[in-house]
Amino acid sequence: MNAFTLAPQGEVEAIEVAIVVEDATGTAYFTDLMLQPGGIATLWQGHPSEIPWSSEA
């Protein structure tokens, strides 16, 4: 497992990120991680450039 600590900005002393994949075969790629404040994660929202618009049909 690869673990790393981000360089803090402001009042944060440290952030530890751990990605765990168990009982799986193949390769897992993590390209984007979103850090949010608080104890409850919100749903992922796509960037406007990723959303197909009706004018593009």
PDB file of N, CA and C in Angstrom:
ATOM      1  N   MET A   1       0.850  -1.184   0.000  1.00  0.00           N
ATOM      2  CA  MET A   1       0.000   0.000   0.000  1.00  0.00           C
ATOM      3  C   MET A   1       0.886   1.233   0.000  1.00  0.00           C
ATOM      4  N   ASN A   2       0.544   2.205  -0.846  1.00  0.00           N
ATOM      5  CA  ASN A   2       1.241   3.476  -0.871  1.00  0.00           C
ATOM      6  C   ASN A   2       0.451   4.482  -0.045  1.00  0.00           C
ATOM      7  N   ALA A   3       1.093   5.119   0.890  1.00  0.00           N
ATOM      8  CA  ALA A   3       0.457   6.155   1.699  1.00  0.00           C
ATOM      9  C   ALA A   3       1.317   7.400   1.608  1.00  0.00           C
ATOM     10  N   PHE A   4       0.692   8.546   1.657  1.00  0.00           N
ATOM     11  CA  PHE A   4       1.444   9.782   1.591  1.00  0.00           C
ATOM     12  C   PHE A   4       0.761  10.852   2.418  1.00  0.00           C
ATOM     13  N   THR A   5       1.484  11.863   2.778  1.00  0.00           N
ATOM     14  CA  THR A   5       0.957  12.999   3.535  1.00  0.00           C
ATOM     15  C   THR A   5       1.120  14.246   2.686  1.00  0.00           C
ATOM     16  N   LEU A   6       0.060  15.047   2.577  1.00  0.00           N
ATOM     17  CA  LEU A   6       0.096  16.282   1.803  1.00  0.00           C
ATOM     18  C   LEU A   6       0.693  17.414   2.626  1.00  0.00           C
ATOM     19  N   ALA A   7       1.317  18.349   1.976  1.00  0.00           N
ATOM     20  CA  ALA A   7       1.842  19.524   2.668  1.00  0.00           C
ATOM     21  C   ALA A   7       0.662  20.408   3.085  1.00  0.00           C
ATOM     22  N   PRO A   8       0.511  20.685   4.370  1.00  0.00           N
ATOM     23  CA  PRO A   8      -0.648  21.452   4.842  1.00  0.00           C
ATOM     24  C   PRO A   8      -0.546  22.938   4.503  1.00  0.00           C
ATOM     25  N   GLN A   9      -1.711  23.570   4.426  1.00  0.00           N
ATOM     26  CA  GLN A   9      -1.824  25.015   4.227  1.00  0.00           C
ATOM     27  C   GLN A   9      -2.700  25.560   5.346  1.00  0.00           C
ATOM     28  N   GLY A  10      -2.299  26.618   6.025  1.00  0.00           N
ATOM     29  CA  GLY A  10      -3.123  27.216   7.064  1.00  0.00           C
ATOM     30  C   GLY A  10      -3.094  26.429   8.352  1.00  0.00           C
ATOM     31  N   GLU A  11      -4.274  26.144   8.923  1.00  0.00           N
ATOM     32  CA  GLU A  11      -4.392  25.534  10.240  1.00  0.00           C
ATOM     33  C   GLU A  11      -4.260  24.008  10.232  1.00  0.00           C
ATOM     34  N   VAL A  12      -4.299  23.373   9.088  1.00  0.00           N
ATOM     35  CA  VAL A  12      -4.234  21.918   9.009  1.00  0.00           C
ATOM     36  C   VAL A  12      -2.824  21.457   9.325  1.00  0.00           C
ATOM     37  N   GLU A  13      -2.699  20.496  10.211  1.00  0.00           N
ATOM     38  CA  GLU A  13      -1.375  19.966  10.559  1.00  0.00           C
ATOM     39  C   GLU A  13      -0.940  18.874   9.594  1.00  0.00           C
ATOM     40  N   ALA A  14      -1.856  18.007   9.184  1.00  0.00           N
ATOM     41  CA  ALA A  14      -1.514  16.927   8.259  1.00  0.00           C
ATOM     42  C   ALA A  14      -2.790  16.318   7.705  1.00  0.00           C
ATOM     43  N   ILE A  15      -2.673  15.750   6.526  1.00  0.00           N
ATOM     44  CA  ILE A  15      -3.764  15.000   5.906  1.00  0.00           C
ATOM     45  C   ILE A  15      -3.176  13.674   5.459  1.00  0.00           C
ATOM     46  N   GLU A  16      -3.754  12.578   5.918  1.00  0.00           N
ATOM     47  CA  GLU A  16      -3.289  11.262   5.503  1.00  0.00           C
ATOM     48  C   GLU A  16      -4.346  10.642   4.609  1.00  0.00           C
ATOM     49  N   VAL A  17      -3.939  10.184   3.445  1.00  0.00           N
ATOM     50  CA  VAL A  17      -4.853   9.593   2.480  1.00  0.00           C
ATOM     51  C   VAL A  17      -4.480   8.126   2.307  1.00  0.00           C
ATOM     52  N   ALA A  18      -5.451   7.247   2.473  1.00  0.00           N
ATOM     53  CA  ALA A  18      -5.219   5.814   2.259  1.00  0.00           C
ATOM     54  C   ALA A  18      -6.294   5.289   1.311  1.00  0.00           C
ATOM     55  N   ILE A  19      -5.866   4.650   0.250  1.00  0.00           N
ATOM     56  CA  ILE A  19      -6.786   4.027  -0.700  1.00  0.00           C
ATOM     57  C   ILE A  19      -6.631   2.522  -0.536  1.00  0.00           C
ATOM     58  N   VAL A  20      -7.732   1.854  -0.238  1.00  0.00           N
ATOM     59  CA  VAL A  20      -7.681   0.420   0.035  1.00  0.00           C
ATOM     60  C   VAL A  20      -8.561  -0.310  -0.981  1.00  0.00           C
ATOM     61  N   VAL A  21      -7.975  -1.261  -1.661  1.00  0.00           N
ATOM     62  CA  VAL A  21      -8.718  -2.135  -2.566  1.00  0.00           C
ATOM     63  C   VAL A  21      -8.485  -3.549  -2.067  1.00  0.00           C
ATOM     64  N   GLU A  22      -9.567  -4.234  -1.723  1.00  0.00           N
ATOM     65  CA  GLU A  22      -9.458  -5.581  -1.172  1.00  0.00           C
ATOM     66  C   GLU A  22     -10.211  -6.573  -2.041  1.00  0.00           C
ATOM     67  N   ASP A  23      -9.712  -7.809  -2.042  1.00  0.00           N
ATOM     68  CA  ASP A  23     -10.365  -8.923  -2.718  1.00  0.00           C
ATOM     69  C   ASP A  23     -10.723  -8.575  -4.164  1.00  0.00           C
ATOM     70  N   ALA A  24      -9.732  -8.070  -4.899  1.00  0.00           N
ATOM     71  CA  ALA A  24      -9.960  -7.677  -6.289  1.00  0.00           C
ATOM     72  C   ALA A  24      -8.856  -8.230  -7.167  1.00  0.00           C
ATOM     73  N   THR A  25      -9.153  -8.375  -8.442  1.00  0.00           N
ATOM     74  CA  THR A  25      -8.138  -8.758  -9.413  1.00  0.00           C
ATOM     75  C   THR A  25      -8.026  -7.647 -10.439  1.00  0.00           C
ATOM     76  N   GLY A  26      -6.888  -7.575 -11.090  1.00  0.00           N
ATOM     77  CA  GLY A  26      -6.694  -6.552 -12.105  1.00  0.00           C
ATOM     78  C   GLY A  26      -5.957  -5.350 -11.540  1.00  0.00           C
ATOM     79  N   THR A  27      -6.094  -4.226 -12.209  1.00  0.00           N
ATOM     80  CA  THR A  27      -5.400  -3.002 -11.844  1.00  0.00           C
ATOM     81  C   THR A  27      -6.415  -1.905 -11.561  1.00  0.00           C
ATOM     82  N   ALA A  28      -6.210  -1.166 -10.499  1.00  0.00           N
ATOM     83  CA  ALA A  28      -7.078  -0.027 -10.159  1.00  0.00           C
ATOM     84  C   ALA A  28      -6.278   1.251 -10.330  1.00  0.00           C
ATOM     85  N   TYR A  29      -6.847   2.229 -11.020  1.00  0.00           N
ATOM     86  CA  TYR A  29      -6.204   3.516 -11.227  1.00  0.00           C
ATOM     87  C   TYR A  29      -7.017   4.602 -10.533  1.00  0.00           C
ATOM     88  N   PHE A  30      -6.351   5.443  -9.791  1.00  0.00           N
ATOM     89  CA  PHE A  30      -6.991   6.584  -9.141  1.00  0.00           C
ATOM     90  C   PHE A  30      -6.336   7.836  -9.700  1.00  0.00           C
ATOM     91  N   THR A  31      -7.093   8.600 -10.469  1.00  0.00           N
ATOM     92  CA  THR A  31      -6.513   9.772 -11.123  1.00  0.00           C
ATOM     93  C   THR A  31      -6.910  11.079 -10.458  1.00  0.00           C
ATOM     94  N   ASP A  32      -8.055  11.128  -9.811  1.00  0.00           N
ATOM     95  CA  ASP A  32      -8.532  12.359  -9.179  1.00  0.00           C
ATOM     96  C   ASP A  32      -9.131  12.028  -7.818  1.00  0.00           C
ATOM     97  N   LEU A  33      -8.672  12.681  -6.798  1.00  0.00           N
ATOM     98  CA  LEU A  33      -9.229  12.532  -5.460  1.00  0.00           C
ATOM     99  C   LEU A  33      -9.732  13.895  -5.007  1.00  0.00           C
ATOM    100  N   MET A  34     -10.959  13.938  -4.478  1.00  0.00           N
ATOM    101  CA  MET A  34     -11.539  15.194  -4.021  1.00  0.00           C
ATOM    102  C   MET A  34     -11.579  15.191  -2.495  1.00  0.00           C
ATOM    103  N   LEU A  35     -10.930  16.150  -1.888  1.00  0.00           N
ATOM    104  CA  LEU A  35     -10.942  16.287  -0.436  1.00  0.00           C
ATOM    105  C   LEU A  35     -11.994  17.311  -0.048  1.00  0.00           C
ATOM    106  N   GLN A  36     -12.829  16.954   0.932  1.00  0.00           N
ATOM    107  CA  GLN A  36     -13.902  17.830   1.385  1.00  0.00           C
ATOM    108  C   GLN A  36     -13.836  17.974   2.897  1.00  0.00           C
ATOM    109  N   PRO A  37     -14.229  19.142   3.407  1.00  0.00           N
ATOM    110  CA  PRO A  37     -14.284  19.295   4.857  1.00  0.00           C
ATOM    111  C   PRO A  37     -15.497  18.556   5.428  1.00  0.00           C
ATOM    112  N   GLY A  38     -15.431  18.194   6.693  1.00  0.00           N
ATOM    113  CA  GLY A  38     -16.570  17.581   7.364  1.00  0.00           C
ATOM    114  C   GLY A  38     -16.497  16.071   7.389  1.00  0.00           C
ATOM    115  N   GLY A  39     -17.488  15.471   8.016  1.00  0.00           N
ATOM    116  CA  GLY A  39     -17.513  14.032   8.207  1.00  0.00           C
ATOM    117  C   GLY A  39     -18.398  13.282   7.243  1.00  0.00           C
ATOM    118  N   ILE A  40     -19.117  13.981   6.350  1.00  0.00           N
ATOM    119  CA  ILE A  40     -20.036  13.324   5.421  1.00  0.00           C
ATOM    120  C   ILE A  40     -19.629  13.684   3.998  1.00  0.00           C
ATOM    121  N   ALA A  41     -19.396  12.687   3.165  1.00  0.00           N
ATOM    122  CA  ALA A  41     -19.038  12.929   1.772  1.00  0.00           C
ATOM    123  C   ALA A  41     -20.274  13.281   0.964  1.00  0.00           C
ATOM    124  N   THR A  42     -20.131  14.173   0.017  1.00  0.00           N
ATOM    125  CA  THR A  42     -21.238  14.527  -0.869  1.00  0.00           C
ATOM    126  C   THR A  42     -21.079  13.772  -2.181  1.00  0.00           C
ATOM    127  N   LEU A  43     -22.112  13.796  -2.997  1.00  0.00           N
ATOM    128  CA  LEU A  43     -22.080  13.095  -4.278  1.00  0.00           C
ATOM    129  C   LEU A  43     -21.137  13.787  -5.240  1.00  0.00           C
ATOM    130  N   TRP A  44     -20.553  13.011  -6.148  1.00  0.00           N
ATOM    131  CA  TRP A  44     -19.681  13.553  -7.174  1.00  0.00           C
ATOM    132  C   TRP A  44     -20.501  14.358  -8.157  1.00  0.00           C
ATOM    133  N   GLN A  45     -19.996  15.491  -8.571  1.00  0.00           N
ATOM    134  CA  GLN A  45     -20.630  16.307  -9.599  1.00  0.00           C
ATOM    135  C   GLN A  45     -19.649  16.469 -10.747  1.00  0.00           C
ATOM    136  N   GLY A  46     -20.097  16.219 -11.940  1.00  0.00           N
ATOM    137  CA  GLY A  46     -19.231  16.359 -13.097  1.00  0.00           C
ATOM    138  C   GLY A  46     -18.937  17.822 -13.397  1.00  0.00           C
ATOM    139  N   HIS A  47     -17.775  18.079 -13.982  1.00  0.00           N
ATOM    140  CA  HIS A  47     -17.423  19.427 -14.422  1.00  0.00           C
ATOM    141  C   HIS A  47     -18.302  19.773 -15.616  1.00  0.00           C
ATOM    142  N   PRO A  48     -18.709  21.039 -15.765  1.00  0.00           N
ATOM    143  CA  PRO A  48     -19.568  21.403 -16.902  1.00  0.00           C
ATOM    144  C   PRO A  48     -19.011  20.969 -18.258  1.00  0.00           C
ATOM    145  N   SER A  49     -17.698  20.888 -18.408  1.00  0.00           N
ATOM    146  CA  SER A  49     -17.129  20.463 -19.684  1.00  0.00           C
ATOM    147  C   SER A  49     -17.358  18.975 -19.930  1.00  0.00           C
ATOM    148  N   GLU A  50     -17.716  18.200 -18.893  1.00  0.00           N
ATOM    149  CA  GLU A  50     -17.943  16.758 -19.046  1.00  0.00           C
ATOM    150  C   GLU A  50     -19.413  16.421 -19.303  1.00  0.00           C
ATOM    151  N   ILE A  51     -20.295  17.395 -19.196  1.00  0.00           N
ATOM    152  CA  ILE A  51     -21.735  17.153 -19.334  1.00  0.00           C
ATOM    153  C   ILE A  51     -22.159  17.416 -20.773  1.00  0.00           C
ATOM    154  N   PRO A  52     -22.780  16.430 -21.436  1.00  0.00           N
ATOM    155  CA  PRO A  52     -23.249  16.675 -22.805  1.00  0.00           C
ATOM    156  C   PRO A  52     -24.452  17.636 -22.791  1.00  0.00           C
ATOM    157  N   TRP A  53     -24.410  18.627 -23.646  1.00  0.00           N
ATOM    158  CA  TRP A  53     -25.483  19.610 -23.729  1.00  0.00           C
ATOM    159  C   TRP A  53     -26.368  19.305 -24.938  1.00  0.00           C
ATOM    160  N   SER A  54     -27.650  19.670 -24.882  1.00  0.00           N
ATOM    161  CA  SER A  54     -28.587  19.377 -25.963  1.00  0.00           C
ATOM    162  C   SER A  54     -28.180  20.065 -27.264  1.00  0.00           C
ATOM    163  N   SER A  55     -27.462  21.194 -27.184  1.00  0.00           N
ATOM    164  CA  SER A  55     -27.041  21.905 -28.385  1.00  0.00           C
ATOM    165  C   SER A  55     -25.906  21.178 -29.118  1.00  0.00           C
ATOM    166  N   GLU A  56     -25.292  20.170 -28.469  1.00  0.00           N
ATOM    167  CA  GLU A  56     -24.190  19.428 -29.079  1.00  0.00           C
ATOM    168  C   GLU A  56     -24.668  18.194 -29.824  1.00  0.00           C
ATOM    169  N   ALA A  57     -25.974  17.903 -29.780  1.00  0.00           N
ATOM    170  CA  ALA A  57     -26.499  16.665 -30.369  1.00  0.00           C
ATOM    171  C   ALA A  57     -26.426  16.628 -31.869  1.00  0.00           C
TER     172      ALA A  57
END
